[in-house]
Amino acid sequence: MEFTCLVTTDADLRQLNQQFRKKDYATDVLSFTGTQEMAISYQRARAQAAEFGHRVEDEICILMLHGVLHLLGMDHETDDGAMSRREAIWRRKLDLPNSLIQRAGA
């Protein structure tokens, strides 16, 4: 699967979140399934890495993994844990810290 990932600012993610989801705040990752694109806030990634005690590079990988699963059509809000299980499998394979879903307790 090919996809494009833009690593950018909180301001850009806030604008995209407002434009596409009608949510007026910066978020860490957004996925756009129609175009196979995602956007990640470097500022959110840096803050979350500090909060959870790992490298910003690992946080970006966590965000990319989460975004790719959304690009593949998964939705942790409606799938009874399927995305969480898939994310956990890949997180272990990639030796990454806790996933977004695990942190949220979903």
Protein backbone atom coordinates (compact mmCIF):
# COMPACT_ATOMS: atom_id res chain seq x y z
CA MET A 1 0.00 0.00 0.00
CA GLU A 2 1.31 3.43 -0.90
CA PHE A 3 0.45 6.53 1.06
CA THR A 4 1.72 10.05 1.60
CA CYS A 5 2.46 11.42 5.06
CA LEU A 6 2.85 15.13 5.76
CA VAL A 7 4.60 15.95 9.04
CA THR A 8 3.62 19.50 9.83
CA THR A 9 2.48 21.89 12.58
CA ASP A 10 -0.37 22.05 15.08
CA ALA A 11 -1.74 25.03 13.14
CA ASP A 12 -1.96 22.96 9.94
CA LEU A 13 -3.59 20.01 11.74
CA ARG A 14 -6.08 22.35 13.38
CA GLN A 15 -6.98 23.79 9.98
CA LEU A 16 -7.35 20.33 8.41
CA ASN A 17 -9.36 19.06 11.37
CA GLN A 18 -11.69 22.05 11.08
CA GLN A 19 -12.01 21.72 7.31
CA PHE A 20 -12.65 17.97 7.14
CA ARG A 21 -14.08 17.02 10.54
CA LYS A 22 -15.59 20.33 11.72
CA LYS A 23 -13.47 20.07 14.91
CA ASP A 24 -11.69 23.26 15.93
CA TYR A 25 -8.53 21.93 17.58
CA ALA A 26 -5.17 20.51 16.61
CA THR A 27 -4.98 16.74 16.61
CA ASP A 28 -1.99 14.42 16.34
CA VAL A 29 -2.87 12.49 13.16
CA LEU A 30 -5.50 12.70 10.43
CA SER A 31 -6.04 10.13 7.68
CA PHE A 32 -7.74 10.77 4.36
CA THR A 33 -8.83 7.45 2.87
CA GLY A 34 -9.93 8.86 -0.50
CA THR A 35 -6.44 10.12 -1.28
CA GLN A 36 -4.32 7.70 0.80
CA GLU A 37 -2.80 10.64 2.65
CA MET A 38 -2.23 11.42 6.29
CA ALA A 39 -0.97 14.38 8.24
CA ILE A 40 0.89 14.32 11.55
CA SER A 41 1.56 17.23 13.88
CA TYR A 42 5.24 17.27 14.82
CA GLN A 43 4.41 19.45 17.82
CA ARG A 44 1.84 16.92 19.12
CA ALA A 45 4.27 14.06 18.42
CA ARG A 46 7.03 15.81 20.36
CA ALA A 47 4.76 16.60 23.32
CA GLN A 48 3.31 13.07 23.43
CA ALA A 49 6.77 11.50 23.22
CA ALA A 50 7.85 13.59 26.21
CA GLU A 51 4.67 12.74 28.11
CA PHE A 52 5.06 8.99 27.56
CA GLY A 53 8.84 8.88 27.88
CA HIS A 54 10.00 7.77 24.46
CA ARG A 55 11.64 9.23 21.38
CA VAL A 56 9.78 11.55 19.04
CA GLU A 57 10.71 9.20 16.17
CA ASP A 58 8.87 6.38 17.96
CA GLU A 59 5.84 8.62 18.46
CA ILE A 60 5.78 9.49 14.77
CA CYS A 61 5.89 5.76 13.96
CA ILE A 62 2.99 5.15 16.38
CA LEU A 63 0.99 7.91 14.71
CA MET A 64 1.82 6.59 11.24
CA LEU A 65 0.76 3.07 12.21
CA HIS A 66 -2.52 4.40 13.57
CA GLY A 67 -3.06 6.47 10.43
CA VAL A 68 -2.28 3.57 8.09
CA LEU A 69 -4.83 1.36 9.82
CA HIS A 70 -7.42 4.08 9.26
CA LEU A 71 -6.34 4.29 5.60
CA LEU A 72 -7.00 0.55 5.39
CA GLY A 73 -10.57 1.22 6.50
CA MET A 74 -10.35 0.37 10.18
CA ASP A 75 -12.19 2.48 12.77
CA HIS A 76 -11.53 1.94 16.48
CA GLU A 77 -14.71 3.80 17.39
CA THR A 78 -16.97 1.24 15.71
CA ASP A 79 -15.09 -2.05 15.22
CA ASP A 80 -15.35 -3.78 18.64
CA GLY A 81 -11.59 -3.75 19.16
CA ALA A 82 -10.41 -5.06 15.78
CA MET A 83 -8.23 -2.01 15.09
CA SER A 84 -6.80 -2.11 18.60
CA ARG A 85 -5.83 -5.76 18.20
CA ARG A 86 -4.25 -5.13 14.79
CA GLU A 87 -2.39 -2.08 16.12
CA ALA A 88 -1.04 -4.13 19.05
CA ILE A 89 0.25 -6.85 16.71
CA TRP A 90 2.10 -4.34 14.53
CA ARG A 91 3.34 -2.35 17.52
CA ARG A 92 4.99 -5.51 18.88
CA LYS A 93 6.46 -6.40 15.47
CA LEU A 94 7.87 -2.87 15.13
CA ASP A 95 8.98 -2.73 18.78
CA LEU A 96 6.97 0.43 19.45
CA PRO A 97 5.64 1.77 22.76
CA ASN A 98 1.92 1.78 23.65
CA SER A 99 -0.45 2.70 20.87
CA LEU A 100 -2.89 5.59 20.73
CA ILE A 101 -5.83 3.28 21.34
CA GLN A 102 -4.16 1.71 24.39
CA ARG A 103 -3.42 5.14 25.85
CA ALA A 104 -7.02 6.21 25.41
CA GLY A 105 -8.24 3.03 27.06
CA ALA A 106 -10.44 2.16 24.08
